[in-house]
Amino acid sequence: MIELACPECRVRLANAENSLRCPQCGRAFAVREGVPDLRVLDDVYVSNDRDRAMASQLRSISRDGDVRETLKVYLSLDASLSEAQRARQVEHILTANDRSAAWIEAIGSDLPAGPWLDLGCGSGSFLAVAAERGIEVIGLDVAERWLVVAAKRNIASLVCGNAERLPFLDATFAAVIAGDVIEHVSDPVVTVAEAYRVLVPGGRLFMATPNRFSLSPEPHVGVWGVGFLPRHLMAPYVWFMKRVDFRAIRTMGYRGWLQLMRESPFGDANISVPRLPKADLAVMPPLKRLLGHFYNGFVSIAPGRIFMRQFGPLFHINAQRGDTPSTTPSLHPVTNSRVEQR
């Protein structure tokens, strides 16, 4: 069983009645339906209080539902989505096996012993694939409402917490997986440093994230050209085009990621352009599917990989912790302000 830590003090939490308590600062953390709530920061879009209320409502409505039914109920609470959008999102989430399997392969082999952390686990797609392969994995997400869905899988321990304040002791995990999440955190510099802290020596970090300068539409909102605008114009442009809030999404280009990882405790990273999984290609419209097959062929050759580092749709980022357990980043390091320019 993974020992949980105070996200501020980094000391082991003690069990109390229906809660966990930090013996150093005295802070108490609630445990609901077996899921500890160890958040100390609010999400950008939804406050923690609002999220708790949504999670409680979802639990009440979907008490006897399976993953699919609970997911449908959850998406029905979002009035901004059409029925067609909800149906597509349900299928996208429930057919994520190929994508999750690709992440497992990308992390590599010969890892040190220890559990894995799925950072931003959402509805638990990666957790399900990892469990099928016999990997011990812990799921963490800032949204308790998503963990209500993930809990329906009954396959992994779940924790509600902030990526920027991980509620785990130093040197706990053999691998940290952050698929399609790093662009949503409030501080990617601190998040990467936190991932380094909780990895054992030799442990690996894997991230999948969209490319800011992709020639395809921005994947979160489906709007062309967002990444080529100055940062301060992105959210107003997306709001004008789609009436969607884009303030909390921060994608970066190849050079930005290269700089961030070199300045991080990892010191370096391998940044690659992956092929698109078959499952993603299968649900694309015919023309987009054709372009997807062309992309997969193009990144199979060196010139294609070089071009797609600049303008391709996404990156896979791999980094390894290679030091001894005693050398860890300082508590909650200050963000390098140059990240604003990336």
Protein backbone atom coordinates (compact mmCIF):
# COMPACT_ATOMS: atom_id res chain seq x y z
CA MET A 1 0.00 0.00 0.00
CA ILE A 2 1.37 3.42 -0.96
CA GLU A 3 1.93 5.69 2.02
CA LEU A 4 0.32 9.09 1.56
CA ALA A 5 2.04 12.31 2.58
CA CYS A 6 0.94 15.83 3.42
CA PRO A 7 1.20 17.72 0.12
CA GLU A 8 2.67 20.73 1.93
CA CYS A 9 4.92 19.15 4.58
CA ARG A 10 5.84 15.89 2.78
CA VAL A 11 5.48 13.82 5.95
CA ARG A 12 3.41 10.65 6.35
CA LEU A 13 -0.26 11.18 7.09
CA ALA A 14 -1.83 9.56 10.13
CA ASN A 15 -5.22 7.85 10.08
CA ALA A 16 -8.07 9.62 11.86
CA GLU A 17 -11.84 9.04 11.86
CA ASN A 18 -13.01 9.39 8.22
CA SER A 19 -9.92 11.47 7.49
CA LEU A 20 -6.15 11.66 7.31
CA ARG A 21 -4.18 14.10 9.43
CA CYS A 22 -0.74 15.64 9.06
CA PRO A 23 1.21 15.24 12.32
CA GLN A 24 3.35 18.26 11.47
CA CYS A 25 0.93 21.00 10.38
CA GLY A 26 -2.27 19.50 11.78
CA ARG A 27 -4.21 19.76 8.53
CA ALA A 28 -7.02 17.19 8.16
CA PHE A 29 -7.95 15.65 4.79
CA ALA A 30 -11.34 14.02 4.22
CA VAL A 31 -11.77 10.52 2.79
CA ARG A 32 -14.96 9.97 0.77
CA GLU A 33 -15.96 6.57 -0.60
CA GLY A 34 -12.41 5.38 0.01
CA VAL A 35 -10.82 8.24 -1.97
CA PRO A 36 -8.69 10.67 0.07
CA ASP A 37 -9.04 14.34 -0.89
CA LEU A 38 -5.51 15.74 -0.55
CA ARG A 39 -5.92 18.90 -2.62
CA VAL A 40 -4.44 22.15 -1.35
CA LEU A 41 -4.97 24.15 -4.56
CA ASP A 42 -8.15 24.87 -6.52
CA ASP A 43 -8.48 23.82 -10.14
CA VAL A 44 -8.64 26.74 -12.59
CA TYR A 45 -12.06 25.89 -14.00
CA VAL A 46 -13.93 24.44 -11.01
CA SER A 47 -13.34 25.24 -7.33
CA ASN A 48 -12.74 22.30 -5.01
CA ASP A 49 -16.03 22.98 -3.21
CA ARG A 50 -17.95 22.94 -6.48
CA ASP A 51 -16.14 19.79 -7.60
CA ARG A 52 -17.00 18.02 -4.33
CA ALA A 53 -20.67 18.87 -4.83
CA MET A 54 -20.58 17.58 -8.42
CA ALA A 55 -18.87 14.37 -7.31
CA SER A 56 -21.50 13.83 -4.60
CA GLN A 57 -24.30 14.38 -7.11
CA LEU A 58 -22.71 11.97 -9.58
CA ARG A 59 -22.28 9.28 -6.91
CA SER A 60 -25.92 9.64 -5.93
CA ILE A 61 -27.30 9.45 -9.46
CA SER A 62 -25.04 6.63 -10.70
CA ARG A 63 -24.78 4.48 -7.59
CA ASP A 64 -25.60 1.26 -9.47
CA GLY A 65 -24.22 2.21 -12.90
CA ASP A 66 -21.11 0.78 -14.58
CA VAL A 67 -18.29 2.84 -16.11
CA ARG A 68 -20.18 3.60 -19.33
CA GLU A 69 -23.40 4.60 -17.57
CA THR A 70 -21.58 6.72 -15.00
CA LEU A 71 -19.62 8.43 -17.77
CA LYS A 72 -22.85 9.20 -19.64
CA VAL A 73 -24.37 10.68 -16.49
CA TYR A 74 -21.27 12.76 -15.85
CA LEU A 75 -21.25 14.20 -19.37
CA SER A 76 -25.00 14.88 -19.20
CA LEU A 77 -24.29 17.34 -16.38
CA ASP A 78 -22.40 19.54 -18.86
CA ALA A 79 -25.11 21.54 -20.64
CA SER A 80 -22.61 22.93 -23.18
CA LEU A 81 -22.20 19.51 -24.87
CA SER A 82 -24.58 18.28 -27.56
CA GLU A 83 -25.80 14.69 -27.57
CA ALA A 84 -23.46 13.91 -30.47
CA GLN A 85 -20.49 15.41 -28.61
CA ARG A 86 -21.29 13.39 -25.50
CA ALA A 87 -21.57 10.18 -27.50
CA ARG A 88 -18.21 10.82 -29.22
CA GLN A 89 -16.50 11.59 -25.92
CA VAL A 90 -17.85 8.41 -24.31
CA GLU A 91 -16.53 6.29 -27.17
CA HIS A 92 -13.21 8.15 -27.24
CA ILE A 93 -12.66 7.46 -23.53
CA LEU A 94 -13.82 3.84 -23.59
CA THR A 95 -11.72 2.94 -26.66
CA ALA A 96 -8.45 4.35 -25.31
CA ASN A 97 -6.70 0.97 -24.95
CA ASP A 98 -4.37 1.41 -27.93
CA ARG A 99 -3.36 4.87 -26.78
CA SER A 100 -2.73 3.70 -23.22
CA ALA A 101 -0.81 0.64 -24.42
CA ALA A 102 1.40 2.93 -26.52
CA TRP A 103 2.21 4.94 -23.39
CA ILE A 104 3.26 1.78 -21.56
CA GLU A 105 5.54 0.80 -24.44
CA ALA A 106 6.96 4.34 -24.59
CA ILE A 107 8.05 4.30 -20.93
CA GLY A 108 10.48 1.52 -21.80
CA SER A 109 11.59 -1.63 -20.00
CA ASP A 110 14.07 -2.48 -17.23
CA LEU A 111 12.41 -0.11 -14.78
CA PRO A 112 13.38 -0.25 -11.11
CA ALA A 113 10.95 -2.05 -8.82
CA GLY A 114 7.98 -0.10 -7.57
CA PRO A 115 4.47 1.09 -8.41
CA TRP A 116 3.55 3.54 -11.17
CA LEU A 117 1.68 6.83 -10.80
CA ASP A 118 -0.94 7.82 -13.37
CA LEU A 119 -0.85 11.60 -13.04
CA GLY A 120 -4.21 13.01 -14.17
CA CYS A 121 -5.86 9.61 -14.44
CA GLY A 122 -9.30 10.97 -15.36
CA SER A 123 -11.79 8.18 -15.95
CA GLY A 124 -9.13 5.50 -15.53
CA SER A 125 -8.45 4.32 -19.10
CA PHE A 126 -4.72 3.94 -18.50
CA LEU A 127 -5.34 2.34 -15.11
CA ALA A 128 -7.41 -0.38 -16.81
CA VAL A 129 -4.72 -1.24 -19.37
CA ALA A 130 -1.99 -1.19 -16.72
CA ALA A 131 -4.03 -3.53 -14.51
CA GLU A 132 -4.45 -5.96 -17.41
CA ARG A 133 -0.65 -6.12 -17.65
CA GLY A 134 -0.18 -6.72 -13.93
CA ILE A 135 1.29 -3.26 -13.23
CA GLU A 136 0.66 -1.81 -9.79
CA VAL A 137 -0.53 1.73 -10.45
CA ILE A 138 -2.01 4.58 -8.41
CA GLY A 139 -4.39 7.05 -10.07
CA LEU A 140 -4.34 10.72 -9.10
CA ASP A 141 -6.57 13.47 -10.44
CA VAL A 142 -7.48 16.99 -9.35
CA ALA A 143 -11.16 16.38 -10.21
CA GLU A 144 -13.00 14.17 -7.73
CA ARG A 145 -15.90 13.96 -10.17
CA TRP A 146 -13.67 12.10 -12.66
CA LEU A 147 -12.52 9.75 -9.92
CA VAL A 148 -16.15 8.74 -9.35
CA VAL A 149 -16.05 7.34 -12.91
CA ALA A 150 -12.61 5.76 -12.45
CA ALA A 151 -13.74 4.07 -9.22
CA LYS A 152 -16.30 2.06 -11.20
CA ARG A 153 -13.42 0.07 -12.69
CA ASN A 154 -12.44 -1.32 -9.23
CA ILE A 155 -8.84 -1.85 -10.33
CA ALA A 156 -6.60 0.70 -8.63
CA SER A 157 -6.12 2.96 -5.63
CA LEU A 158 -7.32 6.50 -6.32
CA VAL A 159 -6.24 9.80 -4.81
CA CYS A 160 -7.63 13.29 -5.35
CA GLY A 161 -4.73 15.75 -5.40
CA ASN A 162 -2.76 18.44 -7.21
CA ALA A 163 0.01 17.63 -9.68
CA GLU A 164 1.89 20.65 -8.34
CA ARG A 165 1.70 19.31 -4.74
CA LEU A 166 1.90 15.53 -5.00
CA PRO A 167 0.73 13.84 -1.78
CA PHE A 168 3.45 11.18 -1.78
CA LEU A 169 6.80 10.66 -0.09
CA ASP A 170 10.07 11.12 -1.95
CA ALA A 171 11.28 8.22 -4.13
CA THR A 172 7.98 6.30 -4.18
CA PHE A 173 7.33 5.44 -7.84
CA ALA A 174 9.19 3.57 -10.56
CA ALA A 175 7.35 5.51 -13.26
CA VAL A 176 5.13 8.56 -13.56
CA ILE A 177 2.74 8.67 -16.54
CA ALA A 178 1.20 12.02 -17.48
CA GLY A 179 -0.80 11.48 -20.66
CA ASP A 180 -2.59 14.55 -22.04
CA VAL A 181 -2.40 16.35 -18.69
CA ILE A 182 0.72 18.55 -18.46
CA GLU A 183 -0.88 21.22 -20.67
CA HIS A 184 -3.70 21.56 -18.11
CA VAL A 185 -1.68 22.12 -14.93
CA SER A 186 -1.22 25.60 -13.50
CA ASP A 187 2.57 25.25 -13.33
CA PRO A 188 4.37 22.74 -15.59
CA VAL A 189 7.80 23.57 -14.13
CA VAL A 190 6.73 22.67 -10.59
CA THR A 191 4.79 19.63 -11.85
CA VAL A 192 7.86 18.20 -13.60
CA ALA A 193 9.95 18.84 -10.47
CA GLU A 194 7.33 17.06 -8.35
CA ALA A 195 7.39 14.07 -10.71
CA TYR A 196 11.17 13.94 -10.29
CA ARG A 197 10.84 14.07 -6.51
CA VAL A 198 8.49 11.09 -6.22
CA LEU A 199 10.48 8.90 -8.63
CA VAL A 200 13.03 6.41 -7.34
CA PRO A 201 16.57 6.64 -8.75
CA GLY A 202 16.38 5.29 -12.29
CA GLY A 203 12.62 5.91 -12.41
CA ARG A 204 11.11 7.42 -15.52
CA LEU A 205 8.68 10.17 -16.41
CA PHE A 206 6.55 9.88 -19.55
CA MET A 207 4.36 12.71 -20.85
CA ALA A 208 2.13 12.91 -23.91
CA THR A 209 1.11 16.43 -24.88
CA PRO A 210 -0.06 18.40 -27.95
CA ASN A 211 2.37 20.57 -29.89
CA ARG A 212 1.59 24.28 -29.58
CA PHE A 213 2.69 24.90 -33.18
CA SER A 214 0.81 22.03 -34.81
CA LEU A 215 -0.53 22.64 -38.31
CA SER A 216 -3.70 20.79 -37.34
CA PRO A 217 -6.54 22.36 -35.29
CA GLU A 218 -5.90 22.77 -31.56
CA PRO A 219 -7.16 19.39 -30.22
CA HIS A 220 -8.97 20.68 -27.14
CA VAL A 221 -11.13 23.20 -28.99
CA GLY A 222 -10.85 22.31 -32.70
CA VAL A 223 -9.69 25.80 -33.74
CA TRP A 224 -6.95 26.39 -36.32
CA GLY A 225 -3.88 28.53 -35.66
CA VAL A 226 -4.26 29.04 -31.90
CA GLY A 227 -0.66 28.18 -31.08
CA PHE A 228 0.82 30.69 -33.50
CA LEU A 229 -0.76 33.60 -31.65
CA PRO A 230 0.91 35.44 -28.75
CA ARG A 231 -0.08 33.89 -25.40
CA HIS A 232 -2.27 36.81 -24.35
CA LEU A 233 -4.39 36.54 -27.53
CA MET A 234 -5.04 32.78 -27.47
CA ALA A 235 -7.94 32.68 -25.01
CA PRO A 236 -9.77 35.70 -26.54
CA TYR A 237 -9.38 34.18 -30.02
CA VAL A 238 -10.75 30.79 -28.94
CA TRP A 239 -13.64 32.46 -27.13
CA PHE A 240 -14.45 34.49 -30.25
CA MET A 241 -14.34 31.39 -32.46
CA LYS A 242 -16.01 28.78 -30.23
CA ARG A 243 -17.19 30.44 -27.00
CA VAL A 244 -14.92 28.02 -25.09
CA ASP A 245 -12.71 28.95 -22.13
CA PHE A 246 -9.08 28.37 -23.12
CA ARG A 247 -7.36 30.19 -20.25
CA ALA A 248 -6.08 27.11 -18.45
CA ILE A 249 -4.57 25.28 -21.44
CA ARG A 250 -0.86 25.86 -22.05
CA THR A 251 0.70 23.86 -24.86
CA MET A 252 4.34 24.33 -25.82
CA GLY A 253 6.52 23.74 -28.87
CA TYR A 254 9.55 21.49 -29.26
CA ARG A 255 12.12 24.11 -28.29
CA GLY A 256 10.08 25.18 -25.28
CA TRP A 257 9.89 21.63 -23.98
CA LEU A 258 13.57 21.07 -24.66
CA GLN A 259 14.46 24.13 -22.60
CA LEU A 260 12.05 23.31 -19.78
CA MET A 261 13.36 19.76 -19.40
CA ARG A 262 17.01 20.85 -19.52
CA GLU A 263 16.32 23.36 -16.74
CA SER A 264 14.36 20.79 -14.70
CA PRO A 265 15.89 18.42 -12.12
CA PHE A 266 15.98 15.74 -14.86
CA GLY A 267 18.49 17.80 -16.82
CA ASP A 268 17.38 16.44 -20.20
CA ALA A 269 14.67 14.46 -21.99
CA ASN A 270 13.95 12.61 -25.19
CA ILE A 271 11.20 14.41 -27.13
CA SER A 272 9.75 12.34 -29.96
CA VAL A 273 6.86 12.52 -32.43
CA PRO A 274 4.80 9.31 -32.11
CA ARG A 275 2.63 7.56 -34.66
CA LEU A 276 -1.14 7.88 -34.26
CA PRO A 277 -2.72 4.75 -32.67
CA LYS A 278 -4.99 2.58 -34.79
CA ALA A 279 -7.92 3.21 -32.44
CA ASP A 280 -7.68 6.97 -33.03
CA LEU A 281 -7.46 6.51 -36.81
CA ALA A 282 -10.49 4.21 -36.80
CA VAL A 283 -12.85 6.89 -35.44
CA MET A 284 -11.62 9.70 -37.72
CA PRO A 285 -13.65 10.92 -40.73
CA PRO A 286 -12.32 9.50 -44.04
CA LEU A 287 -10.25 12.53 -45.09
CA LYS A 288 -8.74 13.00 -41.64
CA ARG A 289 -8.01 9.27 -41.47
CA LEU A 290 -6.18 9.49 -44.81
CA LEU A 291 -4.09 12.37 -43.49
CA GLY A 292 -3.42 10.36 -40.33
CA HIS A 293 -2.03 7.45 -42.36
CA PHE A 294 0.14 9.91 -44.31
CA TYR A 295 1.41 11.36 -41.03
CA ASN A 296 2.29 7.90 -39.70
CA GLY A 297 4.28 7.15 -42.83
CA PHE A 298 5.98 10.56 -42.81
CA VAL A 299 7.24 10.27 -39.21
CA SER A 300 8.77 6.90 -40.09
CA ILE A 301 11.54 8.68 -41.99
CA ALA A 302 14.15 11.08 -40.58
CA PRO A 303 13.10 14.21 -42.56
CA GLY A 304 9.51 13.64 -41.48
CA ARG A 305 10.45 13.40 -37.83
CA ILE A 306 12.48 16.61 -38.04
CA PHE A 307 9.60 18.48 -39.70
CA MET A 308 7.00 17.11 -37.29
CA ARG A 309 9.02 18.18 -34.24
CA GLN A 310 8.14 21.70 -35.31
CA PHE A 311 4.65 21.29 -36.76
CA GLY A 312 3.32 17.84 -35.84
CA PRO A 313 0.26 17.27 -33.63
CA LEU A 314 1.84 15.87 -30.45
CA PHE A 315 4.94 14.90 -28.49
CA HIS A 316 6.03 12.01 -26.35
CA ILE A 317 8.50 13.17 -23.67
CA ASN A 318 10.65 10.70 -21.77
CA ALA A 319 12.98 11.59 -18.90
CA GLN A 320 14.83 9.53 -16.30
CA ARG A 321 15.88 10.30 -12.75
CA GLY A 322 19.47 9.24 -12.38
CA ASP A 323 20.61 10.59 -9.04
CA THR A 324 20.58 9.25 -5.46
CA PRO A 325 17.53 9.55 -3.17
CA SER A 326 19.15 12.28 -1.07
CA THR A 327 19.28 14.79 -3.92
CA THR A 328 15.75 16.12 -4.40
CA PRO A 329 14.36 19.51 -5.44
CA SER A 330 13.59 22.06 -2.76
CA LEU A 331 10.04 22.23 -1.42
CA HIS A 332 7.74 23.63 -4.14
CA PRO A 333 10.39 25.28 -6.37
CA VAL A 334 9.68 28.70 -7.86
CA THR A 335 8.62 28.69 -11.49
CA ASN A 336 11.14 29.95 -14.00
CA SER A 337 9.36 32.97 -15.48
CA ARG A 338 10.74 32.20 -18.94
CA VAL A 339 8.12 29.48 -19.29
CA GLU A 340 5.73 32.33 -20.19
CA GLN A 341 7.65 32.83 -23.43
CA ARG A 342 7.64 29.21 -24.56
